Protein backbone atom coordinates (compact mmCIF):
# COMPACT_ATOMS: atom_id res chain seq x y z
CA UNK A 1 181.09 65.64 136.34
CA UNK A 2 180.95 66.05 140.12
CA UNK A 3 178.05 65.28 142.44
CA UNK A 4 176.95 67.97 144.92
CA UNK A 5 173.92 68.60 147.07
CA UNK A 6 170.92 70.22 145.33
CA UNK A 7 171.14 74.04 145.05
CA UNK A 8 174.78 74.10 146.21
CA UNK A 9 176.48 74.28 142.79
CA UNK A 10 177.25 78.02 143.11
CA UNK A 11 178.83 77.86 146.56
CA UNK A 12 182.47 79.00 146.58
CA UNK A 13 183.76 75.59 147.66
CA UNK A 14 182.26 74.07 144.49
CA UNK A 15 183.62 76.67 142.03
CA UNK A 16 186.97 76.72 140.28
CA UNK A 17 188.32 80.20 139.45
CA UNK A 18 189.57 80.73 135.90
CA UNK A 19 190.80 83.49 133.63
CA UNK A 20 189.16 83.79 130.23
CA UNK A 21 191.25 84.25 127.07
CA UNK A 22 194.57 83.44 128.74
CA UNK A 23 194.82 86.57 130.90
CA UNK A 24 197.83 88.86 131.11
CA UNK A 25 199.35 90.91 128.34
CA UNK A 26 202.69 91.88 126.86
CA UNK A 27 203.59 95.23 125.33
CA UNK A 28 206.31 95.49 122.70
CA UNK A 29 207.93 98.20 120.60
CA UNK A 30 208.88 97.25 117.08
CA UNK A 31 209.51 98.64 113.63
CA UNK A 32 209.21 97.44 110.07
CA UNK A 33 209.71 98.58 106.52
CA UNK A 34 209.14 97.26 103.01
CA UNK A 35 212.57 95.58 103.13
CA UNK A 36 212.29 93.85 106.49
CA UNK A 37 211.84 94.16 110.22
CA UNK A 38 213.90 95.92 112.84
CA UNK A 39 214.34 95.29 116.54
CA UNK A 40 211.56 94.06 118.80
CA UNK A 41 211.78 95.48 122.33
CA UNK A 42 209.73 93.90 125.13
CA UNK A 43 208.42 96.40 127.66
CA UNK A 44 208.26 95.56 131.35
CA UNK A 45 205.79 97.53 133.45
CA UNK A 46 204.11 100.75 132.48
CA UNK A 47 205.82 102.77 129.76
CA UNK A 48 206.29 106.50 130.34
CA UNK A 49 208.00 109.16 128.23
CA UNK A 50 211.43 108.35 129.69
CA UNK A 51 211.12 104.66 128.90
CA UNK A 52 209.87 105.48 125.39
CA UNK A 53 212.86 107.78 124.83
CA UNK A 54 215.27 105.07 126.03
CA UNK A 55 213.66 102.57 123.64
CA UNK A 56 214.10 105.00 120.73
CA UNK A 57 217.72 105.66 121.68
CA UNK A 58 218.53 101.94 121.93
CA UNK A 59 216.61 100.66 118.93
CA UNK A 60 215.77 103.28 116.33
CA UNK A 61 219.06 103.84 114.51
CA UNK A 62 220.17 100.23 114.99
CA UNK A 63 216.92 99.04 113.40
CA UNK A 64 217.26 101.46 110.47
CA UNK A 65 220.82 100.22 109.86
CA UNK A 66 219.70 96.59 110.14
CA UNK A 67 217.01 97.17 107.49
CA UNK A 68 219.36 99.19 105.29
CA UNK A 69 217.11 102.25 105.11
CA UNK A 70 219.51 104.89 106.45
CA UNK A 71 219.34 107.86 105.90
CA UNK A 72 215.95 107.81 104.12
CA UNK A 73 213.51 106.65 106.76
CA UNK A 74 210.37 108.06 108.34
CA UNK A 75 209.05 107.65 111.86
CA UNK A 76 205.33 106.93 112.06
CA UNK A 77 203.74 107.44 115.46
CA UNK A 78 200.32 108.31 116.79
CA UNK A 79 199.31 111.10 119.15
CA UNK A 80 200.02 109.15 122.34
CA UNK A 81 201.12 111.53 125.14
CA UNK A 82 204.47 109.70 125.39
CA UNK A 83 205.16 110.39 121.72
CA UNK A 84 204.26 114.06 122.11
CA UNK A 85 206.26 114.63 125.29
CA UNK A 86 208.72 117.52 124.96
CA UNK A 87 211.85 115.40 125.52
CA UNK A 88 210.73 112.82 122.95
CA UNK A 89 209.79 115.44 120.36
CA UNK A 90 213.20 117.12 120.75
CA UNK A 91 215.07 113.84 120.34
CA UNK A 92 213.02 112.93 117.27
CA UNK A 93 213.55 116.41 115.81
CA UNK A 94 217.34 115.96 115.86
CA UNK A 95 217.54 112.25 114.98
CA UNK A 96 214.76 111.47 112.49
CA UNK A 97 214.67 113.07 109.06
CA UNK A 98 210.88 112.96 108.83
CA UNK A 99 208.08 112.27 111.33
CA UNK A 100 204.56 111.37 110.29
CA UNK A 101 201.95 111.68 113.02
CA UNK A 102 198.70 109.74 112.80
CA UNK A 103 195.62 109.80 115.03
CA UNK A 104 195.53 107.44 118.03
């Protein structure tokens, strides 16, 4: 408890700024199956279609091999614009045996 003059408790010099609930955030890409988990990729900055495509190229097949689900795996993704970008859809068409799209 701190003493201050009457009616001065809301002056800026008497307030301490704080961030509720910890502040900040972290975005990750990951995959899982009934037999285990695959890679977890931490994303720096704002993800666009090119970054999403790079993440798929670096992690998708490696994760499927790690979990032992090659060649019978399915890619589940929602209708995010990055997922539906032309370059991502083409890559997925040639590299994933089956794609299941769900609403956002």
